Amino acid sequence: MKKQSFIKGSLILMFSAVAAKILGAFFKIPLTNILGGIGMSYFSCAYSLFMPVYALTVTGVSSAVARMTAQSMALGMAENAKKIRRTALILFSAAGLAGSILTFLLAKPFSVYSVNSPQAAAAVAMISPAVFFGCITAVERGYYEGLSNMYPTALSQVAEGVVKVFGGLWLCGYVTAHSESVMRFFPEITDVRAIAAAAGIMGVTLSSLGAVLFFAVLRLFSRREISAEKTVMSGRQITRELIGTALPTGISALVTNLTALIDMWTVIGCISYFGTSVKAPAGVSPEELPHFIYGSFAGIAITVFNLVPSVTNMLGKGALTCITDQWECGSRSSLERSSSQAILTSLVIAVPAAAGMIVLAPEIMTFLFPRQSDEVAVCIDALCLMMPGMVFLCVSYPLFSMLQAIGKPVLPLKIMLLGTAVKLAGNLVLIPVMGVDGAALSTTICYGVILAVSLTAFVRASGVHISAAPFVGIIYAGIMCGGTAYLTSSIAESHNIGGIAVIILSAFTGGTVYILSVLYAGKKPQKCECTERGDAL
């Protein structure tokens, strides 16, 4: 099998991530418009429990299998890579089943005692099988990524997105249209939005099942390659190494997802205790207002915030296999080049996106959520405050994968624990003063600390040198992009041009200036003849 280069593999994954996010937008935006702030509170509550369990059991699986597979292939142990796949499927399928059962059993107590929202229990129960399916999918993706073949991961992501859109929206729409007949089957639930949220989140479970079926079909029709290399590790050795790599990564991801739980508890709790300047919109009681604010923040601001990091996260997947191979072979110059390439590429993508969202936050959110004006009003300032944090997170993802690639899977865990402590302290201090905007600001502070520490840790552990000059040029280009977009939007509004036209015009002019600025900043200065003659003398 011909290996894909770091750039090609990353581009394949990034394009698939963009496609998946577009499909996700087609799912999440109509769903938010159907459910509203309260309904999205039920939906987000389910995700708040699901994601930590999913992170612990699933997230580290893909990177662990990918790293061990890449390591085996670099050492010529092709048969060992196949045994890693078989062992991982058995091991992590069991872990996924346990995670699904745990999520299902915790559905009601978590909803009642954690967020005081028993109506959300149905949504939590509906998403629980996705943990089991996710583990199987993660093993298969990790195996192919370790072979430097990113197409299966990319295609499975698109398959997931398609199933989620059609399955989730159809189920949610059916419940909404037939609310009276559906409510008869749920006598303990009094709010139809809770059932609609559970139906919508069932689309996530169906999408994870769709990914499993995709890999089943792929294996059925794939050619069986006969390997002459018979050197293999024992099952016990493989299991120990898989757990040793996956567990720290999974705990790191668990800690990452704890920030969502921290937001849920602190936003709802602090606003309930300290109050807020936000007025309750029509149809929302004062008791429901904290849940409305949290649902708006999690369902709208966090959704938009996560769009770009989910794309740059693919750079980490592409870099992991490449850097593992270079680290094992001792190629320092290639390691340094690939590391700088991954970090710089993520910054090139994140900076203009952040600049555009800061300048055009009202227009973008109004366009995406036209029927949720009250929810959007809660989130505009919060989204702007989170944009620097989005840039920090985008660059941190490849760094975490690179730390795993050089055999330091525990370092991301320690860094994320520090970041979570910063996030919790920031929320407790800032939310009583700033409301939900305080949670947004603490997010930026949290990811800023994470980036600074992770970059320092990688440079020290790997011994590579990363020049700061290209990154300064990207920041400068981003400032020029944001300034141009702001001027364009101001001129457009003065001529009564609004809506999507302002977004397109501002994005075009800002993007053009950004590209030109990046190209200009990347040019190397020419030496003058007198300098060259002086050097010769």
Protein backbone atom coordinates (compact mmCIF):
# COMPACT_ATOMS: atom_id res chain seq x y z
CA MET A 1 0.00 0.00 0.00
CA LYS A 2 1.40 3.36 -1.03
CA LYS A 3 1.67 5.72 1.93
CA GLN A 4 0.07 9.14 1.81
CA SER A 5 2.26 12.10 2.70
CA PHE A 6 1.52 14.25 5.73
CA ILE A 7 0.09 17.04 3.56
CA LYS A 8 -2.04 14.71 1.41
CA GLY A 9 -3.34 12.76 4.38
CA SER A 10 -4.13 15.92 6.33
CA LEU A 11 -5.90 17.48 3.35
CA ILE A 12 -8.04 14.37 2.90
CA LEU A 13 -9.06 14.45 6.55
CA MET A 14 -9.60 18.21 6.56
CA PHE A 15 -11.85 18.10 3.50
CA SER A 16 -13.84 15.29 5.07
CA ALA A 17 -14.04 17.25 8.33
CA VAL A 18 -15.33 20.28 6.44
CA ALA A 19 -17.94 18.09 4.73
CA ALA A 20 -18.87 16.54 8.07
CA LYS A 21 -19.18 19.98 9.67
CA ILE A 22 -21.36 21.22 6.83
CA LEU A 23 -23.57 18.19 7.32
CA GLY A 24 -23.43 18.85 11.07
CA ALA A 25 -24.60 22.40 10.47
CA PHE A 26 -27.49 21.07 8.39
CA PHE A 27 -28.33 18.96 11.44
CA LYS A 28 -27.63 21.28 14.36
CA ILE A 29 -29.01 24.56 12.98
CA PRO A 30 -32.48 23.25 12.00
CA LEU A 31 -32.53 21.24 15.22
CA THR A 32 -31.84 24.39 17.26
CA ASN A 33 -34.55 26.24 15.35
CA ILE A 34 -37.00 23.42 16.16
CA LEU A 35 -36.09 22.89 19.81
CA GLY A 36 -35.28 26.45 20.93
CA GLY A 37 -33.23 27.33 23.99
CA ILE A 38 -35.05 25.03 26.43
CA GLY A 39 -35.06 22.06 24.05
CA MET A 40 -31.36 22.54 23.33
CA SER A 41 -30.80 22.52 27.08
CA TYR A 42 -32.11 18.92 27.15
CA PHE A 43 -30.01 18.07 24.09
CA SER A 44 -26.86 19.64 25.58
CA CYS A 45 -27.48 17.94 28.92
CA ALA A 46 -27.35 14.56 27.17
CA TYR A 47 -24.13 15.51 25.42
CA SER A 48 -22.64 16.73 28.70
CA LEU A 49 -22.81 13.20 30.14
CA PHE A 50 -22.21 11.36 26.88
CA MET A 51 -19.05 13.20 25.84
CA PRO A 52 -16.96 12.46 28.97
CA VAL A 53 -17.85 8.75 28.80
CA TYR A 54 -17.24 8.75 25.04
CA ALA A 55 -13.95 10.57 25.48
CA LEU A 56 -12.68 8.14 28.10
CA THR A 57 -13.61 5.00 26.15
CA VAL A 58 -13.23 6.12 22.52
CA THR A 59 -11.01 9.15 21.96
CA GLY A 60 -7.67 7.59 22.81
CA VAL A 61 -8.41 4.43 20.84
CA SER A 62 -7.85 5.82 17.37
CA SER A 63 -4.54 7.50 18.18
CA ALA A 64 -3.26 4.46 20.12
CA VAL A 65 -4.05 2.03 17.30
CA ALA A 66 -2.69 4.46 14.70
CA ARG A 67 0.59 4.98 16.55
CA MET A 68 1.18 1.26 17.17
CA THR A 69 0.25 0.39 13.58
CA ALA A 70 2.56 3.08 12.18
CA GLN A 71 5.35 1.92 14.48
CA SER A 72 4.93 -1.69 13.35
CA MET A 73 4.94 -0.73 9.68
CA ALA A 74 8.04 1.46 10.14
CA LEU A 75 9.83 -1.56 11.63
CA GLY A 76 8.60 -3.91 8.89
CA MET A 77 6.21 -5.83 11.17
CA ALA A 78 3.14 -5.87 8.90
CA GLU A 79 1.64 -9.01 10.47
CA ASN A 80 1.91 -7.39 13.89
CA ALA A 81 -0.21 -4.47 12.67
CA LYS A 82 -3.02 -6.88 11.81
CA LYS A 83 -2.81 -8.48 15.25
CA ILE A 84 -2.98 -5.01 16.84
CA ARG A 85 -6.23 -4.42 14.97
CA ARG A 86 -7.77 -7.73 16.13
CA THR A 87 -6.70 -7.25 19.73
CA ALA A 88 -7.94 -3.66 19.79
CA LEU A 89 -11.36 -4.63 18.43
CA ILE A 90 -11.86 -7.17 21.23
CA LEU A 91 -10.48 -4.93 23.97
CA PHE A 92 -12.23 -1.70 23.09
CA SER A 93 -15.53 -3.25 22.04
CA ALA A 94 -15.79 -4.48 25.63
CA ALA A 95 -14.86 -1.02 26.93
CA GLY A 96 -17.45 0.56 24.64
CA LEU A 97 -20.18 -1.80 25.80
CA ALA A 98 -19.38 -0.95 29.42
CA GLY A 99 -19.47 2.77 28.57
CA SER A 100 -22.87 2.45 26.89
CA ILE A 101 -24.33 0.60 29.86
CA LEU A 102 -22.88 3.17 32.27
CA THR A 103 -24.34 6.07 30.28
CA PHE A 104 -27.76 4.41 30.18
CA LEU A 105 -27.79 3.67 33.90
CA LEU A 106 -26.69 7.22 34.78
CA ALA A 107 -29.29 8.88 32.53
CA LYS A 108 -31.95 9.50 35.17
CA PRO A 109 -29.79 10.23 38.24
CA PHE A 110 -27.55 12.55 36.23
CA SER A 111 -30.54 14.48 34.87
CA VAL A 112 -32.21 14.75 38.28
CA TYR A 113 -29.33 15.41 40.65
CA SER A 114 -26.73 17.04 38.40
CA VAL A 115 -28.70 19.60 36.39
CA ASN A 116 -32.12 19.38 38.09
CA SER A 117 -33.70 18.53 34.73
CA PRO A 118 -35.36 15.08 34.88
CA GLN A 119 -36.92 15.72 31.46
CA ALA A 120 -33.47 15.26 29.88
CA ALA A 121 -33.16 11.59 30.93
CA ALA A 122 -34.71 10.31 27.70
CA ALA A 123 -32.15 12.14 25.57
CA VAL A 124 -29.27 10.74 27.64
CA ALA A 125 -30.62 7.19 27.28
CA MET A 126 -31.04 7.53 23.51
CA ILE A 127 -27.40 8.45 22.94
CA SER A 128 -25.88 5.73 25.13
CA PRO A 129 -25.41 3.06 22.38
CA ALA A 130 -23.19 5.48 20.45
CA VAL A 131 -20.31 4.79 22.88
CA PHE A 132 -20.17 1.11 21.84
CA PHE A 133 -20.40 1.85 18.12
CA GLY A 134 -17.85 4.64 18.48
CA CYS A 135 -15.22 2.29 19.94
CA ILE A 136 -15.46 -0.08 16.99
CA THR A 137 -15.24 2.79 14.54
CA ALA A 138 -12.23 4.29 16.36
CA VAL A 139 -10.25 1.03 16.07
CA GLU A 140 -10.93 0.76 12.34
CA ARG A 141 -10.03 4.41 11.73
CA GLY A 142 -6.86 4.12 13.77
CA TYR A 143 -5.75 1.03 11.83
CA TYR A 144 -6.07 2.69 8.44
CA GLU A 145 -4.56 5.95 9.71
CA GLY A 146 -1.56 3.95 10.94
CA LEU A 147 -1.18 2.63 7.39
CA SER A 148 -1.17 6.27 6.18
CA ASN A 149 -4.47 5.69 4.40
CA MET A 150 -6.86 8.45 5.41
CA TYR A 151 -9.65 7.68 2.93
CA PRO A 152 -11.58 5.23 5.20
CA THR A 153 -11.62 7.74 8.04
CA ALA A 154 -12.70 10.52 5.69
CA LEU A 155 -15.47 8.52 4.03
CA SER A 156 -16.77 7.18 7.34
CA GLN A 157 -17.02 10.72 8.71
CA VAL A 158 -19.12 11.76 5.74
CA ALA A 159 -21.29 8.65 6.12
CA GLU A 160 -21.86 9.55 9.77
CA GLY A 161 -22.87 13.08 8.85
CA VAL A 162 -25.37 11.98 6.21
CA VAL A 163 -27.09 9.51 8.53
CA LYS A 164 -27.20 12.06 11.36
CA VAL A 165 -28.83 14.75 9.22
CA PHE A 166 -31.55 12.60 7.70
CA GLY A 167 -32.15 10.32 10.69
CA GLY A 168 -31.99 12.94 13.45
CA LEU A 169 -34.03 15.64 11.75
CA TRP A 170 -36.68 13.19 10.51
CA LEU A 171 -37.14 11.72 13.99
CA CYS A 172 -37.24 15.15 15.64
CA GLY A 173 -39.68 16.45 13.04
CA TYR A 174 -41.91 13.40 13.45
CA VAL A 175 -42.13 13.89 17.22
CA THR A 176 -42.92 17.58 16.80
CA ALA A 177 -45.61 16.88 14.21
CA HIS A 178 -47.22 14.03 16.19
CA SER A 179 -46.60 15.29 19.71
CA GLU A 180 -49.90 14.15 21.22
CA SER A 181 -49.61 10.54 20.08
CA VAL A 182 -45.90 10.32 20.95
CA MET A 183 -46.39 11.74 24.45
CA ARG A 184 -48.63 8.81 25.37
CA PHE A 185 -45.59 6.54 25.38
CA PHE A 186 -43.73 8.78 27.87
CA PRO A 187 -46.11 9.41 30.78
CA GLU A 188 -43.31 10.68 33.06
CA ILE A 189 -42.33 13.46 30.63
CA THR A 190 -44.49 16.58 30.43
CA ASP A 191 -42.47 18.67 27.96
CA VAL A 192 -42.66 17.57 24.32
CA ARG A 193 -39.37 19.37 23.66
CA ALA A 194 -37.64 16.75 25.82
CA ILE A 195 -38.98 13.95 23.60
CA ALA A 196 -38.07 15.92 20.46
CA ALA A 197 -34.53 16.40 21.81
CA ALA A 198 -34.27 12.65 22.50
CA ALA A 199 -35.47 11.90 18.97
CA GLY A 200 -32.95 14.33 17.51
CA ILE A 201 -30.08 12.89 19.50
CA MET A 202 -31.08 9.41 18.33
CA GLY A 203 -29.71 10.57 15.00
CA VAL A 204 -26.24 10.67 16.60
CA THR A 205 -26.60 7.03 17.67
CA LEU A 206 -27.78 6.02 14.19
CA SER A 207 -24.84 7.87 12.62
CA SER A 208 -22.33 5.97 14.75
CA LEU A 209 -24.03 2.71 13.71
CA GLY A 210 -23.75 3.86 10.10
CA ALA A 211 -19.97 4.26 10.48
CA VAL A 212 -19.68 0.71 11.85
CA LEU A 213 -21.64 -0.64 8.88
CA PHE A 214 -19.38 1.34 6.52
CA PHE A 215 -16.27 -0.40 7.86
CA ALA A 216 -18.02 -3.77 7.79
CA VAL A 217 -18.73 -3.32 4.08
CA LEU A 218 -15.19 -2.02 3.51
CA ARG A 219 -13.65 -5.12 5.08
CA LEU A 220 -16.01 -7.36 3.13
CA PHE A 221 -14.86 -5.99 -0.22
CA SER A 222 -11.22 -5.18 0.58
CA ARG A 223 -8.43 -7.34 -0.82
CA ARG A 224 -6.65 -9.62 1.62
CA GLU A 225 -2.92 -8.96 1.50
CA ILE A 226 -0.54 -11.80 2.36
CA SER A 227 2.38 -10.61 4.46
CA ALA A 228 5.71 -12.44 4.50
CA GLU A 229 6.64 -10.84 7.84
CA LYS A 230 5.48 -13.09 10.68
CA THR A 231 7.08 -11.31 13.66
CA VAL A 232 4.36 -10.38 16.12
CA MET A 233 4.05 -9.19 19.69
CA SER A 234 2.15 -11.24 22.24
CA GLY A 235 -1.47 -10.38 22.90
CA ARG A 236 -0.55 -9.31 26.42
CA GLN A 237 2.14 -6.93 25.14
CA ILE A 238 -0.23 -5.39 22.60
CA THR A 239 -2.97 -4.99 25.21
CA ARG A 240 -0.58 -3.37 27.68
CA GLU A 241 0.75 -0.92 25.09
CA LEU A 242 -2.71 -0.10 23.73
CA ILE A 243 -4.01 0.68 27.20
CA GLY A 244 -0.82 2.55 28.11
CA THR A 245 -1.27 4.82 25.08
CA ALA A 246 -5.05 5.05 24.89
CA LEU A 247 -5.79 5.57 28.59
CA PRO A 248 -3.79 8.79 29.09
CA THR A 249 -5.16 10.13 25.80
CA GLY A 250 -8.69 9.16 26.78
CA ILE A 251 -8.34 10.75 30.20
CA SER A 252 -6.97 13.89 28.51
CA ALA A 253 -10.04 13.97 26.28
CA LEU A 254 -12.20 13.32 29.33
CA VAL A 255 -10.64 16.31 31.04
CA THR A 256 -11.25 18.35 27.88
CA ASN A 257 -14.93 17.43 27.92
CA LEU A 258 -15.13 18.26 31.60
CA THR A 259 -15.07 21.89 30.47
CA ALA A 260 -18.57 21.30 29.04
CA LEU A 261 -19.71 19.93 32.39
CA ILE A 262 -18.06 22.87 34.16
CA ASP A 263 -19.95 25.27 31.90
CA MET A 264 -23.22 23.45 32.51
CA TRP A 265 -22.88 23.42 36.29
CA THR A 266 -21.40 26.89 36.72
CA VAL A 267 -23.50 28.77 34.16
CA ILE A 268 -26.77 27.33 35.44
CA GLY A 269 -25.68 27.39 39.10
CA CYS A 270 -24.08 30.85 39.20
CA ILE A 271 -26.87 32.52 37.23
CA SER A 272 -29.49 30.85 39.44
CA TYR A 273 -27.67 32.10 42.56
CA PHE A 274 -26.30 35.49 41.51
CA GLY A 275 -28.90 36.40 38.91
CA THR A 276 -28.32 37.95 35.49
CA SER A 277 -28.98 41.14 33.55
CA VAL A 278 -30.48 39.10 30.70
CA LYS A 279 -34.24 39.49 30.57
CA ALA A 280 -36.35 36.38 30.14
CA PRO A 281 -37.87 36.31 26.64
CA ALA A 282 -41.52 35.56 26.03
CA GLY A 283 -42.42 32.01 26.98
CA VAL A 284 -39.49 31.54 29.37
CA SER A 285 -40.18 31.71 33.09
CA PRO A 286 -37.62 33.15 35.56
CA GLU A 287 -36.97 29.62 36.83
CA GLU A 288 -36.21 28.45 33.28
CA LEU A 289 -33.98 31.41 32.44
CA PRO A 290 -30.65 29.87 33.62
CA HIS A 291 -31.38 26.76 31.54
CA PHE A 292 -32.37 28.98 28.59
CA ILE A 293 -29.07 30.90 28.81
CA TYR A 294 -27.01 27.73 29.11
CA GLY A 295 -28.90 26.04 26.26
CA SER A 296 -28.35 29.08 24.04
CA PHE A 297 -24.65 29.26 24.92
CA ALA A 298 -24.04 25.51 24.44
CA GLY A 299 -26.33 25.10 21.43
CA ILE A 300 -25.26 28.19 19.47
CA ALA A 301 -22.01 29.79 20.67
CA ILE A 302 -20.20 26.52 21.43
CA THR A 303 -21.46 24.99 18.17
CA VAL A 304 -19.98 27.84 16.13
CA PHE A 305 -16.83 27.84 18.28
CA ASN A 306 -16.17 24.15 17.53
CA LEU A 307 -16.50 24.42 13.75
CA VAL A 308 -12.86 25.26 12.96
CA PRO A 309 -11.10 23.21 15.70
CA SER A 310 -12.81 20.08 14.44
CA VAL A 311 -11.15 20.70 11.07
CA THR A 312 -7.66 21.46 12.38
CA ASN A 313 -7.93 18.41 14.62
CA MET A 314 -7.48 16.44 11.40
CA LEU A 315 -3.98 17.92 11.12
CA GLY A 316 -3.14 16.13 14.34
CA LYS A 317 -4.37 12.83 12.90
CA GLY A 318 -2.30 13.37 9.77
CA ALA A 319 0.77 14.41 11.74
CA LEU A 320 0.65 11.52 14.23
CA THR A 321 1.53 8.79 11.73
CA CYS A 322 4.12 10.90 9.91
CA ILE A 323 5.90 12.11 13.05
CA THR A 324 5.81 8.64 14.61
CA ASP A 325 7.64 7.30 11.56
CA GLN A 326 10.20 10.14 11.62
CA TRP A 327 10.74 9.79 15.37
CA GLU A 328 11.29 6.04 15.12
CA CYS A 329 13.73 6.51 12.20
CA GLY A 330 15.60 9.34 13.98
CA SER A 331 15.08 11.83 11.14
CA ARG A 332 15.49 15.10 13.08
CA SER A 333 15.34 17.48 10.10
CA SER A 334 12.14 15.85 8.77
CA LEU A 335 10.64 15.88 12.28
CA GLU A 336 11.36 19.59 12.65
CA ARG A 337 9.89 20.37 9.23
CA SER A 338 6.71 18.33 9.78
CA SER A 339 6.16 19.79 13.27
CA SER A 340 6.43 23.38 12.04
CA GLN A 341 4.23 22.52 9.08
CA ALA A 342 1.43 21.12 11.24
CA ILE A 343 1.42 24.04 13.68
CA LEU A 344 1.68 26.68 10.96
CA THR A 345 -1.09 25.13 8.86
CA SER A 346 -3.48 25.06 11.80
CA LEU A 347 -2.71 28.71 12.54
CA VAL A 348 -3.20 29.69 8.88
CA ILE A 349 -6.71 28.21 9.01
CA ALA A 350 -7.73 29.40 12.47
CA VAL A 351 -6.62 33.05 12.42
CA PRO A 352 -8.78 34.38 9.54
CA ALA A 353 -11.76 32.35 10.76
CA ALA A 354 -11.46 33.93 14.22
CA ALA A 355 -11.01 37.43 12.79
CA GLY A 356 -14.08 37.03 10.58
CA MET A 357 -16.27 35.69 13.39
CA ILE A 358 -15.28 38.55 15.70
CA VAL A 359 -16.16 41.18 13.11
CA LEU A 360 -19.26 39.49 11.70
CA ALA A 361 -20.60 37.67 14.79
CA PRO A 362 -24.12 39.24 14.69
CA GLU A 363 -24.52 38.68 10.95
CA ILE A 364 -23.18 35.11 11.00
CA MET A 365 -25.27 33.98 13.95
CA THR A 366 -28.43 35.67 12.67
CA PHE A 367 -27.93 33.98 9.30
CA LEU A 368 -27.32 30.56 10.86
CA PHE A 369 -30.13 30.81 13.43
CA PRO A 370 -32.77 33.11 11.87
CA ARG A 371 -35.60 31.88 14.08
CA GLN A 372 -33.69 32.14 17.36
CA SER A 373 -33.20 35.88 17.79
CA ASP A 374 -33.48 35.73 21.60
CA GLU A 375 -30.92 32.93 21.83
CA VAL A 376 -28.55 34.70 19.41
CA ALA A 377 -28.71 37.90 21.46
CA VAL A 378 -27.40 35.98 24.47
CA CYS A 379 -24.43 34.58 22.53
CA ILE A 380 -22.99 37.37 20.35
CA ASP A 381 -20.54 38.85 22.87
CA ALA A 382 -19.71 35.40 24.22
CA LEU A 383 -18.72 34.15 20.76
CA CYS A 384 -16.42 37.12 20.20
CA LEU A 385 -14.70 36.56 23.55
CA MET A 386 -14.08 32.90 22.67
CA MET A 387 -12.43 33.50 19.30
CA PRO A 388 -8.84 33.90 20.59
CA GLY A 389 -9.41 30.69 22.53
CA MET A 390 -10.50 29.01 19.30
CA VAL A 391 -7.14 29.87 17.73
CA PHE A 392 -5.29 28.52 20.77
CA LEU A 393 -7.31 25.28 20.65
CA CYS A 394 -6.73 24.82 16.91
CA VAL A 395 -2.96 24.92 17.40
CA SER A 396 -3.08 22.75 20.53
CA TYR A 397 -4.71 19.78 18.77
CA PRO A 398 -1.72 19.01 16.49
CA LEU A 399 0.64 19.53 19.42
CA PHE A 400 -1.17 16.90 21.48
CA SER A 401 -0.94 14.39 18.61
CA MET A 402 2.74 15.19 18.16
CA LEU A 403 3.41 14.59 21.85
CA GLN A 404 1.73 11.19 21.52
CA ALA A 405 3.79 10.46 18.39
CA ILE A 406 7.10 10.94 20.23
CA GLY A 407 6.01 8.65 23.06
CA LYS A 408 4.72 11.23 25.56
CA PRO A 409 0.99 10.37 25.87
CA VAL A 410 0.84 11.42 29.54
CA LEU A 411 1.92 15.02 28.94
CA PRO A 412 -1.38 16.10 27.27
CA LEU A 413 -3.22 14.71 30.31
CA LYS A 414 -1.20 16.83 32.72
CA ILE A 415 -1.63 19.89 30.51
CA MET A 416 -5.38 19.41 30.23
CA LEU A 417 -5.73 19.00 34.00
CA LEU A 418 -4.03 22.36 34.41
CA GLY A 419 -6.29 23.92 31.77
CA THR A 420 -9.42 22.53 33.40
CA ALA A 421 -8.41 23.99 36.75
CA VAL A 422 -7.95 27.37 35.04
CA LYS A 423 -11.37 26.99 33.39
CA LEU A 424 -13.15 26.16 36.66
CA ALA A 425 -11.52 29.03 38.53
CA GLY A 426 -12.24 31.42 35.67
CA ASN A 427 -15.92 30.48 35.53
CA LEU A 428 -16.41 30.82 39.29
CA VAL A 429 -14.77 34.25 39.29
CA LEU A 430 -16.09 35.69 36.02
CA ILE A 431 -19.67 34.37 35.65
CA PRO A 432 -21.00 36.19 38.77
CA VAL A 433 -19.57 39.42 37.32
CA MET A 434 -20.05 38.97 33.56
CA GLY A 435 -22.77 36.35 33.27
CA VAL A 436 -22.37 33.85 30.42
CA ASP A 437 -19.71 36.11 28.86
CA GLY A 438 -17.51 35.18 31.82
CA ALA A 439 -17.67 31.53 30.78
CA ALA A 440 -16.59 32.56 27.28
CA LEU A 441 -13.64 34.61 28.54
CA SER A 442 -12.47 31.83 30.84
CA THR A 443 -12.52 29.48 27.83
CA THR A 444 -10.04 31.71 26.04
CA ILE A 445 -7.81 31.96 29.11
CA CYS A 446 -7.96 28.17 29.57
CA TYR A 447 -6.87 27.35 26.01
CA GLY A 448 -4.22 30.07 26.06
CA VAL A 449 -2.58 28.39 29.03
CA ILE A 450 -2.91 24.97 27.38
CA LEU A 451 -1.21 26.15 24.17
CA ALA A 452 1.69 27.84 25.96
CA VAL A 453 2.43 24.80 28.12
CA SER A 454 1.97 22.19 25.36
CA LEU A 455 4.23 24.04 22.91
CA THR A 456 6.95 24.37 25.54
CA ALA A 457 6.60 20.69 26.46
CA PHE A 458 6.86 19.51 22.85
CA VAL A 459 9.94 21.60 22.08
CA ARG A 460 11.69 20.33 25.19
CA ALA A 461 10.72 16.68 24.68
CA SER A 462 11.54 16.51 20.97
CA GLY A 463 14.52 18.87 20.86
CA VAL A 464 13.27 20.52 17.65
CA HIS A 465 13.59 24.23 16.93
CA ILE A 466 10.47 26.07 15.77
CA SER A 467 11.00 29.57 14.37
CA ALA A 468 8.56 32.25 15.54
CA ALA A 469 8.88 34.49 12.46
CA PRO A 470 6.25 32.73 10.25
CA PHE A 471 3.71 32.80 13.08
CA VAL A 472 4.14 36.54 13.60
CA GLY A 473 3.43 37.01 9.90
CA ILE A 474 0.20 35.01 10.17
CA ILE A 475 -0.99 37.09 13.15
CA TYR A 476 -0.26 40.29 11.20
CA ALA A 477 -2.18 38.95 8.20
CA GLY A 478 -5.11 38.06 10.48
CA ILE A 479 -5.27 41.61 11.85
CA MET A 480 -5.30 42.95 8.28
CA CYS A 481 -8.04 40.46 7.40
CA GLY A 482 -10.24 41.50 10.33
CA GLY A 483 -9.71 45.21 9.68
CA THR A 484 -10.60 44.86 6.01
CA ALA A 485 -13.70 42.80 6.81
CA TYR A 486 -14.81 45.42 9.35
CA LEU A 487 -14.40 48.28 6.88
CA THR A 488 -16.27 46.34 4.21
CA SER A 489 -19.16 45.53 6.52
CA SER A 490 -19.36 49.17 7.69
CA ILE A 491 -19.47 50.44 4.12
CA ALA A 492 -22.04 47.82 3.13
CA GLU A 493 -24.29 48.68 6.06
CA SER A 494 -24.06 52.39 5.23
CA HIS A 495 -25.48 51.50 1.80
CA ASN A 496 -28.26 49.41 3.36
CA ILE A 497 -26.70 46.12 2.33
CA GLY A 498 -27.30 43.43 4.92
CA GLY A 499 -27.76 39.73 5.52
CA ILE A 500 -25.78 37.17 3.57
CA ALA A 501 -24.48 39.84 1.15
CA VAL A 502 -22.49 41.52 3.94
CA ILE A 503 -20.99 38.20 5.00
CA ILE A 504 -19.95 37.30 1.45
CA LEU A 505 -18.49 40.73 0.64
CA SER A 506 -16.62 40.99 3.93
CA ALA A 507 -15.32 37.43 3.69
CA PHE A 508 -14.13 38.00 0.13
CA THR A 509 -12.29 41.26 0.80
CA GLY A 510 -10.91 40.13 4.14
CA GLY A 511 -9.83 36.77 2.69
CA THR A 512 -8.13 38.42 -0.28
CA VAL A 513 -6.15 40.77 1.94
CA TYR A 514 -5.27 37.87 4.23
CA ILE A 515 -3.89 35.74 1.40
CA LEU A 516 -1.88 38.64 -0.01
CA SER A 517 -0.53 39.47 3.45
CA VAL A 518 0.49 35.85 4.07
CA LEU A 519 2.23 35.65 0.70
CA TYR A 520 4.03 38.95 1.30
CA ALA A 521 5.08 37.97 4.83
CA GLY A 522 6.39 34.65 3.52
CA LYS A 523 8.77 36.22 1.00
CA LYS A 524 12.42 36.11 1.97
CA PRO A 525 14.21 39.46 1.69
CA GLN A 526 16.76 39.71 -1.10
CA LYS A 527 20.34 40.45 -0.17
CA CYS A 528 21.75 43.56 -1.82
CA GLU A 529 24.95 43.35 -3.85
CA CYS A 530 26.93 45.52 -1.43
CA THR A 531 26.08 43.14 1.43
CA GLU A 532 27.17 40.14 -0.58
CA ARG A 533 30.46 41.85 -1.53
CA GLY A 534 31.02 42.84 2.08
CA ASP A 535 30.45 39.24 3.18
CA ALA A 536 32.94 38.05 0.56
CA LEU A 537 35.57 40.49 1.78
